[in-house]
Amino acid sequence: MTQDEPTDEEVVQTASDAAEGLIFSRYKQSNVRDCDVTVNFEDGILEVDVYINVPDDVAGPYPEQVADDAALTAQQAVDELFEE
């Protein structure tokens, strides 16, 4: 790793922030019963796991789709971080 590359901590924080940002752009925070974003970055491999629990009566997109979108958004944010 060169000096200019982000640290593992920066990668994890960037991915986590991006995923949470997407989740709360789709749902009001008060409508989310539970949300878990797990990010691992080891040996240059990024793993993002997102879980969202919202009540069935909350209008909006399917939680599974939002979780998938949040994970993709996290990966894209990390890609952009490395491109800087």
PDB file of N, CA and C in Angstrom:
ATOM      1  N   MET A   1       0.849  -1.177   0.000  1.00  0.00           N
ATOM      2  CA  MET A   1       0.000   0.000   0.000  1.00  0.00           C
ATOM      3  C   MET A   1       0.890   1.234   0.000  1.00  0.00           C
ATOM      4  N   THR A   2       0.584   2.175  -0.859  1.00  0.00           N
ATOM      5  CA  THR A   2       1.344   3.405  -0.913  1.00  0.00           C
ATOM      6  C   THR A   2       0.738   4.416   0.032  1.00  0.00           C
ATOM      7  N   GLN A   3       1.464   5.512   0.224  1.00  0.00           N
ATOM      8  CA  GLN A   3       1.010   6.579   1.105  1.00  0.00           C
ATOM      9  C   GLN A   3      -0.333   7.159   0.664  1.00  0.00           C
ATOM     10  N   ASP A   4      -0.562   7.224  -0.627  1.00  0.00           N
ATOM     11  CA  ASP A   4      -1.742   7.894  -1.150  1.00  0.00           C
ATOM     12  C   ASP A   4      -3.011   7.055  -1.061  1.00  0.00           C
ATOM     13  N   GLU A   5      -2.891   5.779  -0.774  1.00  0.00           N
ATOM     14  CA  GLU A   5      -4.073   4.929  -0.691  1.00  0.00           C
ATOM     15  C   GLU A   5      -4.755   5.126   0.652  1.00  0.00           C
ATOM     16  N   PRO A   6      -6.070   5.020   0.673  1.00  0.00           N
ATOM     17  CA  PRO A   6      -6.788   5.171   1.941  1.00  0.00           C
ATOM     18  C   PRO A   6      -6.466   4.025   2.895  1.00  0.00           C
ATOM     19  N   THR A   7      -6.576   4.320   4.180  1.00  0.00           N
ATOM     20  CA  THR A   7      -6.350   3.287   5.183  1.00  0.00           C
ATOM     21  C   THR A   7      -7.558   2.346   5.214  1.00  0.00           C
ATOM     22  N   ASP A   8      -7.370   1.185   5.822  1.00  0.00           N
ATOM     23  CA  ASP A   8      -8.481   0.242   5.966  1.00  0.00           C
ATOM     24  C   ASP A   8      -9.633   0.890   6.728  1.00  0.00           C
ATOM     25  N   GLU A   9      -9.305   1.661   7.751  1.00  0.00           N
ATOM     26  CA  GLU A   9     -10.325   2.346   8.547  1.00  0.00           C
ATOM     27  C   GLU A   9     -11.120   3.340   7.694  1.00  0.00           C
ATOM     28  N   GLU A  10     -10.443   4.085   6.826  1.00  0.00           N
ATOM     29  CA  GLU A  10     -11.125   5.028   5.943  1.00  0.00           C
ATOM     30  C   GLU A  10     -12.052   4.297   4.971  1.00  0.00           C
ATOM     31  N   VAL A  11     -11.611   3.155   4.476  1.00  0.00           N
ATOM     32  CA  VAL A  11     -12.424   2.367   3.550  1.00  0.00           C
ATOM     33  C   VAL A  11     -13.691   1.888   4.241  1.00  0.00           C
ATOM     34  N   VAL A  12     -13.540   1.337   5.434  1.00  0.00           N
ATOM     35  CA  VAL A  12     -14.690   0.827   6.185  1.00  0.00           C
ATOM     36  C   VAL A  12     -15.658   1.961   6.513  1.00  0.00           C
ATOM     37  N   GLN A  13     -15.142   3.087   6.959  1.00  0.00           N
ATOM     38  CA  GLN A  13     -16.005   4.219   7.319  1.00  0.00           C
ATOM     39  C   GLN A  13     -16.729   4.771   6.101  1.00  0.00           C
ATOM     40  N   THR A  14     -16.038   4.879   4.988  1.00  0.00           N
ATOM     41  CA  THR A  14     -16.646   5.377   3.750  1.00  0.00           C
ATOM     42  C   THR A  14     -17.779   4.467   3.303  1.00  0.00           C
ATOM     43  N   ALA A  15     -17.535   3.175   3.314  1.00  0.00           N
ATOM     44  CA  ALA A  15     -18.559   2.213   2.904  1.00  0.00           C
ATOM     45  C   ALA A  15     -19.757   2.253   3.836  1.00  0.00           C
ATOM     46  N   SER A  16     -19.498   2.283   5.124  1.00  0.00           N
ATOM     47  CA  SER A  16     -20.576   2.311   6.114  1.00  0.00           C
ATOM     48  C   SER A  16     -21.420   3.576   5.979  1.00  0.00           C
ATOM     49  N   ASP A  17     -20.766   4.715   5.855  1.00  0.00           N
ATOM     50  CA  ASP A  17     -21.490   5.988   5.710  1.00  0.00           C
ATOM     51  C   ASP A  17     -22.350   6.002   4.448  1.00  0.00           C
ATOM     52  N   ALA A  18     -21.806   5.489   3.360  1.00  0.00           N
ATOM     53  CA  ALA A  18     -22.549   5.475   2.093  1.00  0.00           C
ATOM     54  C   ALA A  18     -23.777   4.578   2.190  1.00  0.00           C
ATOM     55  N   ALA A  19     -23.623   3.406   2.785  1.00  0.00           N
ATOM     56  CA  ALA A  19     -24.743   2.477   2.915  1.00  0.00           C
ATOM     57  C   ALA A  19     -25.837   3.073   3.797  1.00  0.00           C
ATOM     58  N   GLU A  20     -25.450   3.612   4.951  1.00  0.00           N
ATOM     59  CA  GLU A  20     -26.435   4.218   5.842  1.00  0.00           C
ATOM     60  C   GLU A  20     -27.109   5.420   5.197  1.00  0.00           C
ATOM     61  N   GLY A  21     -26.336   6.202   4.464  1.00  0.00           N
ATOM     62  CA  GLY A  21     -26.909   7.358   3.774  1.00  0.00           C
ATOM     63  C   GLY A  21     -27.997   6.960   2.793  1.00  0.00           C
ATOM     64  N   LEU A  22     -27.751   5.887   2.059  1.00  0.00           N
ATOM     65  CA  LEU A  22     -28.760   5.422   1.105  1.00  0.00           C
ATOM     66  C   LEU A  22     -30.000   4.917   1.835  1.00  0.00           C
ATOM     67  N   ILE A  23     -29.804   4.142   2.877  1.00  0.00           N
ATOM     68  CA  ILE A  23     -30.942   3.601   3.627  1.00  0.00           C
ATOM     69  C   ILE A  23     -31.844   4.728   4.119  1.00  0.00           C
ATOM     70  N   PHE A  24     -31.233   5.742   4.717  1.00  0.00           N
ATOM     71  CA  PHE A  24     -32.039   6.812   5.291  1.00  0.00           C
ATOM     72  C   PHE A  24     -32.458   7.866   4.266  1.00  0.00           C
ATOM     73  N   SER A  25     -32.051   7.679   3.029  1.00  0.00           N
ATOM     74  CA  SER A  25     -32.627   8.505   1.961  1.00  0.00           C
ATOM     75  C   SER A  25     -33.907   7.859   1.429  1.00  0.00           C
ATOM     76  N   ARG A  26     -34.063   6.575   1.702  1.00  0.00           N
ATOM     77  CA  ARG A  26     -35.242   5.834   1.238  1.00  0.00           C
ATOM     78  C   ARG A  26     -36.311   5.679   2.321  1.00  0.00           C
ATOM     79  N   TYR A  27     -35.886   5.663   3.580  1.00  0.00           N
ATOM     80  CA  TYR A  27     -36.808   5.495   4.707  1.00  0.00           C
ATOM     81  C   TYR A  27     -36.554   6.581   5.743  1.00  0.00           C
ATOM     82  N   LYS A  28     -37.632   7.024   6.391  1.00  0.00           N
ATOM     83  CA  LYS A  28     -37.466   7.893   7.546  1.00  0.00           C
ATOM     84  C   LYS A  28     -36.790   7.075   8.636  1.00  0.00           C
ATOM     85  N   GLN A  29     -35.917   7.714   9.370  1.00  0.00           N
ATOM     86  CA  GLN A  29     -35.193   7.001  10.420  1.00  0.00           C
ATOM     87  C   GLN A  29     -36.169   6.403  11.443  1.00  0.00           C
ATOM     88  N   SER A  30     -37.256   7.098  11.719  1.00  0.00           N
ATOM     89  CA  SER A  30     -38.228   6.600  12.692  1.00  0.00           C
ATOM     90  C   SER A  30     -38.975   5.361  12.205  1.00  0.00           C
ATOM     91  N   ASN A  31     -38.948   5.101  10.895  1.00  0.00           N
ATOM     92  CA  ASN A  31     -39.621   3.923  10.346  1.00  0.00           C
ATOM     93  C   ASN A  31     -38.735   2.672  10.335  1.00  0.00           C
ATOM     94  N   VAL A  32     -37.473   2.836  10.632  1.00  0.00           N
ATOM     95  CA  VAL A  32     -36.550   1.706  10.610  1.00  0.00           C
ATOM     96  C   VAL A  32     -36.457   1.117  12.023  1.00  0.00           C
ATOM     97  N   ARG A  33     -36.950  -0.116  12.160  1.00  0.00           N
ATOM     98  CA  ARG A  33     -36.895  -0.792  13.459  1.00  0.00           C
ATOM     99  C   ARG A  33     -35.460  -1.180  13.807  1.00  0.00           C
ATOM    100  N   ASP A  34     -34.767  -1.701  12.807  1.00  0.00           N
ATOM    101  CA  ASP A  34     -33.407  -2.176  13.021  1.00  0.00           C
ATOM    102  C   ASP A  34     -32.642  -2.062  11.706  1.00  0.00           C
ATOM    103  N   CYS A  35     -31.386  -1.739  11.829  1.00  0.00           N
ATOM    104  CA  CYS A  35     -30.540  -1.595  10.645  1.00  0.00           C
ATOM    105  C   CYS A  35     -29.125  -1.986  11.058  1.00  0.00           C
ATOM    106  N   ASP A  36     -28.506  -2.828  10.253  1.00  0.00           N
ATOM    107  CA  ASP A  36     -27.148  -3.241  10.552  1.00  0.00           C
ATOM    108  C   ASP A  36     -26.335  -3.230   9.263  1.00  0.00           C
ATOM    109  N   VAL A  37     -25.259  -2.483   9.280  1.00  0.00           N
ATOM    110  CA  VAL A  37     -24.334  -2.443   8.149  1.00  0.00           C
ATOM    111  C   VAL A  37     -22.998  -2.985   8.655  1.00  0.00           C
ATOM    112  N   THR A  38     -22.573  -4.099   8.092  1.00  0.00           N
ATOM    113  CA  THR A  38     -21.303  -4.708   8.474  1.00  0.00           C
ATOM    114  C   THR A  38     -20.350  -4.602   7.289  1.00  0.00           C
ATOM    115  N   VAL A  39     -19.197  -4.003   7.547  1.00  0.00           N
ATOM    116  CA  VAL A  39     -18.211  -3.804   6.482  1.00  0.00           C
ATOM    117  C   VAL A  39     -16.894  -4.407   6.927  1.00  0.00           C
ATOM    118  N   ASN A  40     -16.317  -5.222   6.061  1.00  0.00           N
ATOM    119  CA  ASN A  40     -14.982  -5.777   6.280  1.00  0.00           C
ATOM    120  C   ASN A  40     -14.121  -5.430   5.077  1.00  0.00           C
ATOM    121  N   PHE A  41     -12.895  -5.024   5.349  1.00  0.00           N
ATOM    122  CA  PHE A  41     -11.939  -4.749   4.281  1.00  0.00           C
ATOM    123  C   PHE A  41     -10.618  -5.368   4.693  1.00  0.00           C
ATOM    124  N   GLU A  42     -10.300  -6.469   4.052  1.00  0.00           N
ATOM    125  CA  GLU A  42      -9.097  -7.213   4.393  1.00  0.00           C
ATOM    126  C   GLU A  42      -8.404  -7.669   3.128  1.00  0.00           C
ATOM    127  N   ASP A  43      -7.110  -7.441   3.065  1.00  0.00           N
ATOM    128  CA  ASP A  43      -6.305  -7.857   1.912  1.00  0.00           C
ATOM    129  C   ASP A  43      -6.879  -7.337   0.598  1.00  0.00           C
ATOM    130  N   GLY A  44      -7.401  -6.110   0.631  1.00  0.00           N
ATOM    131  CA  GLY A  44      -7.928  -5.499  -0.578  1.00  0.00           C
ATOM    132  C   GLY A  44      -9.298  -5.983  -1.006  1.00  0.00           C
ATOM    133  N   ILE A  45      -9.942  -6.786  -0.158  1.00  0.00           N
ATOM    134  CA  ILE A  45     -11.273  -7.311  -0.490  1.00  0.00           C
ATOM    135  C   ILE A  45     -12.305  -6.662   0.417  1.00  0.00           C
ATOM    136  N   LEU A  46     -13.312  -6.069  -0.205  1.00  0.00           N
ATOM    137  CA  LEU A  46     -14.383  -5.393   0.514  1.00  0.00           C
ATOM    138  C   LEU A  46     -15.598  -6.300   0.592  1.00  0.00           C
ATOM    139  N   GLU A  47     -16.116  -6.465   1.805  1.00  0.00           N
ATOM    140  CA  GLU A  47     -17.353  -7.212   2.011  1.00  0.00           C
ATOM    141  C   GLU A  47     -18.326  -6.297   2.739  1.00  0.00           C
ATOM    142  N   VAL A  48     -19.527  -6.174   2.188  1.00  0.00           N
ATOM    143  CA  VAL A  48     -20.556  -5.328   2.784  1.00  0.00           C
ATOM    144  C   VAL A  48     -21.814  -6.160   2.945  1.00  0.00           C
ATOM    145  N   ASP A  49     -22.347  -6.184   4.166  1.00  0.00           N
ATOM    146  CA  ASP A  49     -23.578  -6.897   4.455  1.00  0.00           C
ATOM    147  C   ASP A  49     -24.542  -5.901   5.103  1.00  0.00           C
ATOM    148  N   VAL A  50     -25.740  -5.810   4.552  1.00  0.00           N
ATOM    149  CA  VAL A  50     -26.721  -4.847   5.042  1.00  0.00           C
ATOM    150  C   VAL A  50     -28.008  -5.570   5.406  1.00  0.00           C
ATOM    151  N   TYR A  51     -28.519  -5.258   6.585  1.00  0.00           N
ATOM    152  CA  TYR A  51     -29.796  -5.795   7.057  1.00  0.00           C
ATOM    153  C   TYR A  51     -30.679  -4.622   7.452  1.00  0.00           C
ATOM    154  N   ILE A  52     -31.934  -4.648   7.014  1.00  0.00           N
ATOM    155  CA  ILE A  52     -32.890  -3.593   7.347  1.00  0.00           C
ATOM    156  C   ILE A  52     -34.197  -4.248   7.779  1.00  0.00           C
ATOM    157  N   ASN A  53     -34.771  -3.749   8.866  1.00  0.00           N
ATOM    158  CA  ASN A  53     -36.071  -4.212   9.327  1.00  0.00           C
ATOM    159  C   ASN A  53     -36.989  -3.011   9.438  1.00  0.00           C
ATOM    160  N   VAL A  54     -38.010  -2.990   8.596  1.00  0.00           N
ATOM    161  CA  VAL A  54     -39.034  -1.947   8.664  1.00  0.00           C
ATOM    162  C   VAL A  54     -40.394  -2.629   8.807  1.00  0.00           C
ATOM    163  N   PRO A  55     -41.336  -1.968   9.469  1.00  0.00           N
ATOM    164  CA  PRO A  55     -42.670  -2.555   9.606  1.00  0.00           C
ATOM    165  C   PRO A  55     -43.314  -2.783   8.243  1.00  0.00           C
ATOM    166  N   ASP A  56     -44.151  -3.819   8.163  1.00  0.00           N
ATOM    167  CA  ASP A  56     -44.828  -4.147   6.908  1.00  0.00           C
ATOM    168  C   ASP A  56     -45.732  -3.028   6.411  1.00  0.00           C
ATOM    169  N   ASP A  57     -46.227  -2.212   7.319  1.00  0.00           N
ATOM    170  CA  ASP A  57     -47.171  -1.170   6.919  1.00  0.00           C
ATOM    171  C   ASP A  57     -46.495   0.137   6.478  1.00  0.00           C
ATOM    172  N   VAL A  58     -45.173   0.156   6.440  1.00  0.00           N
ATOM    173  CA  VAL A  58     -44.453   1.347   5.992  1.00  0.00           C
ATOM    174  C   VAL A  58     -44.410   1.358   4.467  1.00  0.00           C
ATOM    175  N   ALA A  59     -44.865   2.461   3.905  1.00  0.00           N
ATOM    176  CA  ALA A  59     -44.836   2.595   2.445  1.00  0.00           C
ATOM    177  C   ALA A  59     -43.389   2.797   1.998  1.00  0.00           C
ATOM    178  N   GLY A  60     -43.094   2.280   0.849  1.00  0.00           N
ATOM    179  CA  GLY A  60     -41.755   2.467   0.316  1.00  0.00           C
ATOM    180  C   GLY A  60     -41.256   1.218  -0.362  1.00  0.00           C
ATOM    181  N   PRO A  61     -40.007   1.255  -0.753  1.00  0.00           N
ATOM    182  CA  PRO A  61     -39.431   0.115  -1.465  1.00  0.00           C
ATOM    183  C   PRO A  61     -39.251  -1.083  -0.539  1.00  0.00           C
ATOM    184  N   TYR A  62     -39.087  -2.239  -1.155  1.00  0.00           N
ATOM    185  CA  TYR A  62     -38.849  -3.459  -0.389  1.00  0.00           C
ATOM    186  C   TYR A  62     -37.514  -3.351   0.346  1.00  0.00           C
ATOM    187  N   PRO A  63     -37.486  -3.727   1.615  1.00  0.00           N
ATOM    188  CA  PRO A  63     -36.230  -3.634   2.380  1.00  0.00           C
ATOM    189  C   PRO A  63     -35.080  -4.417   1.752  1.00  0.00           C
ATOM    190  N   GLU A  64     -35.389  -5.554   1.140  1.00  0.00           N
ATOM    191  CA  GLU A  64     -34.330  -6.354   0.511  1.00  0.00           C
ATOM    192  C   GLU A  64     -33.666  -5.580  -0.628  1.00  0.00           C
ATOM    193  N   GLN A  65     -34.476  -4.857  -1.383  1.00  0.00           N
ATOM    194  CA  GLN A  65     -33.932  -4.072  -2.494  1.00  0.00           C
ATOM    195  C   GLN A  65     -33.095  -2.906  -1.965  1.00  0.00           C
ATOM    196  N   VAL A  66     -33.571  -2.271  -0.916  1.00  0.00           N
ATOM    197  CA  VAL A  66     -32.813  -1.164  -0.325  1.00  0.00           C
ATOM    198  C   VAL A  66     -31.485  -1.683   0.234  1.00  0.00           C
ATOM    199  N   ALA A  67     -31.509  -2.850   0.865  1.00  0.00           N
ATOM    200  CA  ALA A  67     -30.277  -3.437   1.396  1.00  0.00           C
ATOM    201  C   ALA A  67     -29.284  -3.717   0.263  1.00  0.00           C
ATOM    202  N   ASP A  68     -29.764  -4.281  -0.828  1.00  0.00           N
ATOM    203  CA  ASP A  68     -28.893  -4.533  -1.987  1.00  0.00           C
ATOM    204  C   ASP A  68     -28.341  -3.233  -2.553  1.00  0.00           C
ATOM    205  N   ASP A  69     -29.217  -2.236  -2.692  1.00  0.00           N
ATOM    206  CA  ASP A  69     -28.780  -0.937  -3.215  1.00  0.00           C
ATOM    207  C   ASP A  69     -27.757  -0.284  -2.288  1.00  0.00           C
ATOM    208  N   ALA A  70     -27.964  -0.425  -0.974  1.00  0.00           N
ATOM    209  CA  ALA A  70     -27.035   0.163  -0.003  1.00  0.00           C
ATOM    210  C   ALA A  70     -25.658  -0.488  -0.111  1.00  0.00           C
ATOM    211  N   ALA A  71     -25.636  -1.804  -0.276  1.00  0.00           N
ATOM    212  CA  ALA A  71     -24.354  -2.504  -0.424  1.00  0.00           C
ATOM    213  C   ALA A  71     -23.640  -2.068  -1.701  1.00  0.00           C
ATOM    214  N   LEU A  72     -24.376  -1.925  -2.786  1.00  0.00           N
ATOM    215  CA  LEU A  72     -23.776  -1.459  -4.045  1.00  0.00           C
ATOM    216  C   LEU A  72     -23.263  -0.025  -3.922  1.00  0.00           C
ATOM    217  N   THR A  73     -24.025   0.812  -3.237  1.00  0.00           N
ATOM    218  CA  THR A  73     -23.615   2.199  -3.026  1.00  0.00           C
ATOM    219  C   THR A  73     -22.329   2.255  -2.206  1.00  0.00           C
ATOM    220  N   ALA A  74     -22.226   1.389  -1.208  1.00  0.00           N
ATOM    221  CA  ALA A  74     -21.008   1.321  -0.396  1.00  0.00           C
ATOM    222  C   ALA A  74     -19.813   0.937  -1.253  1.00  0.00           C
ATOM    223  N   GLN A  75     -19.987  -0.046  -2.121  1.00  0.00           N
ATOM    224  CA  GLN A  75     -18.898  -0.481  -2.993  1.00  0.00           C
ATOM    225  C   GLN A  75     -18.487   0.636  -3.948  1.00  0.00           C
ATOM    226  N   GLN A  76     -19.464   1.350  -4.487  1.00  0.00           N
ATOM    227  CA  GLN A  76     -19.161   2.453  -5.403  1.00  0.00           C
ATOM    228  C   GLN A  76     -18.415   3.577  -4.682  1.00  0.00           C
ATOM    229  N   ALA A  77     -18.810   3.859  -3.445  1.00  0.00           N
ATOM    230  CA  ALA A  77     -18.139   4.912  -2.666  1.00  0.00           C
ATOM    231  C   ALA A  77     -16.676   4.555  -2.415  1.00  0.00           C
ATOM    232  N   VAL A  78     -16.423   3.292  -2.147  1.00  0.00           N
ATOM    233  CA  VAL A  78     -15.042   2.847  -1.936  1.00  0.00           C
ATOM    234  C   VAL A  78     -14.252   2.907  -3.245  1.00  0.00           C
ATOM    235  N   ASP A  79     -14.875   2.521  -4.334  1.00  0.00           N
ATOM    236  CA  ASP A  79     -14.207   2.642  -5.636  1.00  0.00           C
ATOM    237  C   ASP A  79     -13.793   4.084  -5.887  1.00  0.00           C
ATOM    238  N   GLU A  80     -14.696   5.013  -5.612  1.00  0.00           N
ATOM    239  CA  GLU A  80     -14.405   6.436  -5.812  1.00  0.00           C
ATOM    240  C   GLU A  80     -13.297   6.902  -4.869  1.00  0.00           C
ATOM    241  N   LEU A  81     -13.277   6.375  -3.663  1.00  0.00           N
ATOM    242  CA  LEU A  81     -12.237   6.722  -2.703  1.00  0.00           C
ATOM    243  C   LEU A  81     -10.855   6.350  -3.246  1.00  0.00           C
ATOM    244  N   PHE A  82     -10.748   5.193  -3.882  1.00  0.00           N
ATOM    245  CA  PHE A  82      -9.475   4.767  -4.421  1.00  0.00           C
ATOM    246  C   PHE A  82      -9.096   5.515  -5.694  1.00  0.00           C
ATOM    247  N   GLU A  83     -10.084   6.098  -6.366  1.00  0.00           N
ATOM    248  CA  GLU A  83      -9.811   6.845  -7.598  1.00  0.00           C
ATOM    249  C   GLU A  83      -9.315   8.257  -7.313  1.00  0.00           C
ATOM    250  N   GLU A  84      -9.544   8.742  -6.100  1.00  0.00           N
ATOM    251  CA  GLU A  84      -9.127  10.126  -5.765  1.00  0.00           C
ATOM    252  C   GLU A  84      -7.640  10.297  -5.789  1.00  0.00           C
TER     253      GLU A  84
END
